[in-house]
Protein backbone atom coordinates (compact mmCIF):
# COMPACT_ATOMS: atom_id res chain seq x y z
CA THR A 1 -37.83 -5.64 -6.11
CA LEU A 2 -38.36 -2.53 -4.00
CA THR A 3 -35.94 -1.63 -1.21
CA LEU A 4 -37.30 0.57 1.56
CA THR A 5 -35.78 2.06 4.67
CA LEU A 6 -38.57 2.31 7.25
CA THR A 7 -38.57 4.34 10.45
CA LEU A 8 -41.04 5.31 13.11
CA THR A 9 -40.71 7.76 15.98
CA LEU A 10 -40.69 6.42 19.52
CA THR A 11 -40.53 8.58 22.62
CA LEU A 12 -38.26 6.96 25.17
CA THR A 13 -37.60 7.19 28.85
CA SER A 14 -33.93 6.36 28.81
CA THR A 15 -32.58 3.91 31.35
CA ALA A 16 -29.18 2.63 32.25
CA PRO A 17 -29.00 -1.04 33.22
CA LYS A 18 -30.51 -2.28 36.43
CA MET A 19 -27.76 -2.02 39.03
CA ASN A 20 -26.97 -5.66 39.74
CA THR A 21 -23.69 -4.91 41.45
CA THR A 22 -21.99 -2.33 43.61
CA GLY A 23 -18.62 -0.75 43.00
CA TRP A 24 -17.38 0.67 39.69
CA SER A 25 -19.25 0.09 36.40
CA MET A 26 -19.19 1.67 32.93
CA ILE A 27 -22.64 2.94 31.97
CA SER A 28 -24.28 5.18 29.39
CA PHE A 29 -27.52 7.09 29.10
CA ASN A 30 -29.18 6.66 25.72
CA CYS A 31 -31.03 9.95 25.97
CA ILE A 32 -31.37 11.95 22.78
CA GLY A 33 -29.81 15.38 22.90
CA GLU A 34 -26.39 16.59 23.94
CA ALA A 35 -27.17 17.30 27.59
CA SER A 36 -29.79 16.07 30.03
CA GLY A 37 -30.15 16.09 33.77
CA LEU A 38 -28.46 13.72 36.19
CA PRO A 39 -30.40 10.76 37.60
CA ASP A 40 -32.81 11.35 40.48
CA PRO A 41 -30.53 11.80 43.52
CA ALA A 42 -32.97 10.10 45.91
CA ALA A 43 -31.73 6.63 44.92
CA PHE A 44 -28.07 7.32 45.72
CA LYS A 45 -25.75 7.53 48.70
CA VAL A 46 -23.18 10.06 49.82
CA ASP A 47 -20.15 8.33 48.29
CA ASN A 48 -21.67 7.68 44.85
CA ILE A 49 -19.80 9.36 41.99
CA ILE A 50 -20.14 9.64 38.20
CA LEU A 51 -17.03 10.34 36.10
CA THR A 52 -16.40 10.95 32.42
CA ARG A 53 -13.70 12.46 30.23
CA ASP A 54 -14.06 15.17 27.63
CA GLY A 55 -13.28 13.47 24.32
CA THR A 56 -11.12 16.25 22.94
CA LEU A 57 -9.44 17.70 26.03
CA GLY A 58 -9.24 14.63 28.23
CA THR A 59 -10.57 16.73 31.12
CA LEU A 60 -12.11 14.70 33.94
CA LEU A 61 -15.73 15.69 34.63
CA PHE A 62 -17.55 14.47 37.71
CA ALA A 63 -20.68 14.54 39.84
CA GLN A 64 -20.56 13.37 43.46
CA HIS A 65 -23.55 12.79 45.72
CA ASP A 66 -23.38 14.84 48.94
CA GLY A 67 -26.17 12.97 50.69
CA THR A 68 -28.88 15.19 49.26
CA LYS A 69 -27.99 16.21 45.73
CA TRP A 70 -25.33 15.97 43.02
CA GLN A 71 -22.34 18.34 43.14
CA GLY A 72 -19.58 18.89 40.57
CA SER A 73 -18.83 19.87 36.99
CA LEU A 74 -21.34 17.42 35.48
CA VAL A 75 -24.26 19.17 37.19
CA ALA A 76 -24.01 22.18 34.86
CA ARG A 77 -22.76 20.17 31.86
CA GLY A 78 -25.40 17.44 32.08
CA LEU A 79 -25.13 13.95 30.66
CA SER A 80 -24.61 13.16 26.99
CA SER A 81 -25.61 10.10 25.01
CA ALA A 82 -22.23 10.33 23.27
CA ARG A 83 -20.20 9.70 26.43
CA GLY A 84 -19.53 6.70 28.61
CA TYR A 85 -19.53 7.16 32.37
CA LYS A 86 -17.59 5.40 35.11
CA PHE A 87 -20.01 5.11 38.01
CA PHE A 88 -19.29 4.14 41.61
CA TYR A 89 -22.49 2.79 43.13
CA SER A 90 -23.19 1.65 46.69
CA GLY A 91 -26.97 1.74 46.74
CA ASP A 92 -29.61 -0.99 46.64
CA ILE A 93 -29.15 -3.84 44.17
CA GLY A 94 -31.87 -3.75 41.53
CA THR A 95 -32.11 0.05 41.27
CA ILE A 96 -32.72 1.30 37.73
CA LEU A 97 -31.10 4.59 36.77
CA THR A 98 -33.72 6.60 34.90
CA GLN A 99 -33.17 9.68 32.76
CA HIS A 100 -35.65 11.40 30.47
CA GLY A 101 -34.59 12.08 26.88
CA GLY A 102 -36.25 13.13 23.65
CA ASP A 103 -37.37 11.25 20.57
CA ALA A 104 -35.46 8.37 19.01
CA LEU A 105 -36.11 6.97 15.57
CA VAL A 106 -36.59 3.22 15.54
CA ASP A 107 -37.54 1.08 12.57
CA PRO A 108 -40.28 -1.57 12.96
CA ALA A 109 -37.72 -4.33 13.58
CA GLY A 110 -36.31 -2.40 16.53
CA TYR A 111 -33.15 -1.07 14.93
CA ALA A 112 -32.16 2.45 15.78
CA ALA A 113 -31.54 5.44 13.55
CA LEU A 114 -31.27 8.37 15.88
CA HIS A 115 -31.73 11.00 13.20
CA PRO A 116 -33.45 10.97 9.80
CA ASP A 117 -30.01 11.24 8.23
CA PRO A 118 -27.89 8.34 9.58
CA ASP A 119 -24.73 10.02 8.28
CA ASN A 120 -25.08 12.33 11.30
CA ASP A 121 -24.96 9.41 13.73
CA GLN A 122 -21.22 9.06 13.96
CA VAL A 123 -19.02 8.07 16.86
CA VAL A 124 -15.73 9.95 16.78
CA LEU A 125 -12.76 8.25 18.43
CA HIS A 126 -9.59 10.23 19.08
CA GLU A 127 -6.15 8.65 19.27
CA GLY A 128 -5.71 7.04 22.66
CA TRP A 129 -8.47 6.28 25.17
CA ASN A 130 -12.08 7.39 24.64
CA TRP A 131 -15.10 6.99 26.93
CA ILE A 132 -18.15 6.53 24.72
CA GLY A 133 -21.83 5.84 25.30
CA HIS A 134 -24.22 3.73 23.25
CA SER A 135 -27.03 5.98 22.03
CA PRO A 136 -29.32 3.49 20.24
CA PRO A 137 -32.04 1.75 22.28
CA VAL A 138 -31.02 -1.63 20.83
CA SER A 139 -27.77 -3.62 20.66
CA TYR A 140 -25.39 -3.74 17.69
CA GLY A 141 -22.78 -6.40 16.96
CA ILE A 142 -19.29 -5.01 17.43
CA ASN A 143 -18.25 -6.53 14.08
CA SER A 144 -21.53 -6.76 12.13
CA GLY A 145 -23.40 -3.71 13.38
CA ILE A 146 -20.96 -0.83 12.85
CA GLU A 147 -19.07 0.51 9.86
CA VAL A 148 -16.04 2.79 9.68
CA VAL A 149 -16.55 6.05 7.79
CA SER A 150 -13.16 7.66 8.50
CA GLY A 151 -9.76 6.21 9.39
CA GLN A 152 -9.43 2.53 10.28
CA PHE A 153 -9.07 0.30 13.29
CA SER A 154 -5.55 -0.95 14.00
CA PRO A 155 -4.31 -4.22 15.53
CA ASN A 156 -4.68 -4.18 19.31
CA ASP A 157 -7.33 -1.44 19.31
CA GLN A 158 -9.66 -2.28 22.14
CA PHE A 159 -13.22 -1.90 23.45
CA LYS A 160 -13.79 -2.70 27.11
CA THR A 161 -16.47 -2.27 29.74
CA ARG A 162 -16.94 -3.21 33.40
CA SER A 163 -19.76 -4.15 35.73
CA GLY A 164 -18.45 -4.42 39.29
CA ASP A 165 -15.65 -6.99 39.29
CA PHE A 166 -16.51 -8.33 35.82
CA ALA A 167 -14.77 -6.86 32.76
CA SER A 168 -15.50 -7.58 29.08
CA ILE A 169 -12.92 -6.86 26.37
CA ALA A 170 -12.69 -7.02 22.59
CA SER A 171 -9.37 -6.51 20.78
CA TYR A 172 -8.91 -5.91 17.06
CA ASP A 173 -6.79 -8.58 15.35
CA GLY A 174 -6.37 -6.70 12.05
CA ALA A 175 -9.56 -8.09 10.54
CA GLN A 176 -12.20 -8.09 13.28
CA PHE A 177 -12.70 -7.72 17.03
CA GLN A 178 -12.11 -10.81 19.15
CA GLY A 179 -13.09 -11.40 22.77
CA ASP A 180 -16.05 -11.78 25.08
CA LEU A 181 -17.39 -8.31 24.28
CA THR A 182 -19.45 -9.04 21.16
CA GLU A 183 -22.19 -6.39 21.24
CA LEU A 184 -22.54 -2.69 22.02
CA LYS A 185 -25.59 -2.44 24.29
CA PRO A 186 -27.95 0.27 25.55
CA GLY A 187 -27.11 1.53 29.00
CA VAL A 188 -23.51 0.33 28.80
CA GLY A 189 -20.52 2.64 28.52
CA TYR A 190 -17.26 1.71 26.82
CA GLN A 191 -13.62 2.66 27.09
CA VAL A 192 -12.14 2.48 23.60
CA LYS A 193 -8.42 2.64 22.79
CA VAL A 194 -7.39 3.37 19.20
CA ALA A 195 -3.95 3.87 17.70
CA GLN A 196 -5.26 6.48 15.28
CA ALA A 197 -8.42 8.56 14.93
CA VAL A 198 -11.44 6.54 13.77
CA THR A 199 -15.04 7.50 13.11
CA PHE A 200 -17.75 4.84 12.87
CA ARG A 201 -21.51 4.73 12.57
CA TYR A 202 -24.22 2.16 13.18
CA LYS A 203 -25.24 0.38 10.02
CA VAL A 204 -28.40 1.54 8.25
CA VAL A 205 -31.12 -1.11 8.20
CA THR A 206 -32.83 -1.72 4.87
CA LYS A 207 -35.65 -4.10 4.08
CA VAL A 208 -36.32 -5.80 0.75
CA VAL A 209 -40.05 -6.23 0.00
């Protein structure tokens, strides 16, 4: 029996979900690379705003549309695949937020490994609230698709996201996450509350042939 881990390189144009609602939503941009440009401003209106928090300092970063272009601290910083963003949207329903990123590594079954060394693909959660993105271009089960590499989840730790008036939540019961949030999905951002620092990664996919 031979066990192989297979990957191929796929160049992506990263997209957030189609905007099916107005108001506040949590989104992410699964671009590869620490910083990339903000979405094309032509699709947005003067009151639209993108917010995120620095994971270590808790500083609020923002970009607000002035009717022509984006203004604010996120313009120079750019967007990161590691962060989740709270986005107030009042534009046309059905708009897709498009952002160009680099290369992602995807195995033939569609599972993501964003770098040749999956040990580098780690999501670091600090004590308290974190706003995280979902870098992979495919979904991972919140219980079956991630593994802790440092620290541990505690009872009542929580993942949550929002799309307009609809919120999804998963809470840790001491053994696994319970709730209507069952997968971490591309284009979706998450607010994660942990009682202690935790680092997790997406599980490596192996195939037996």
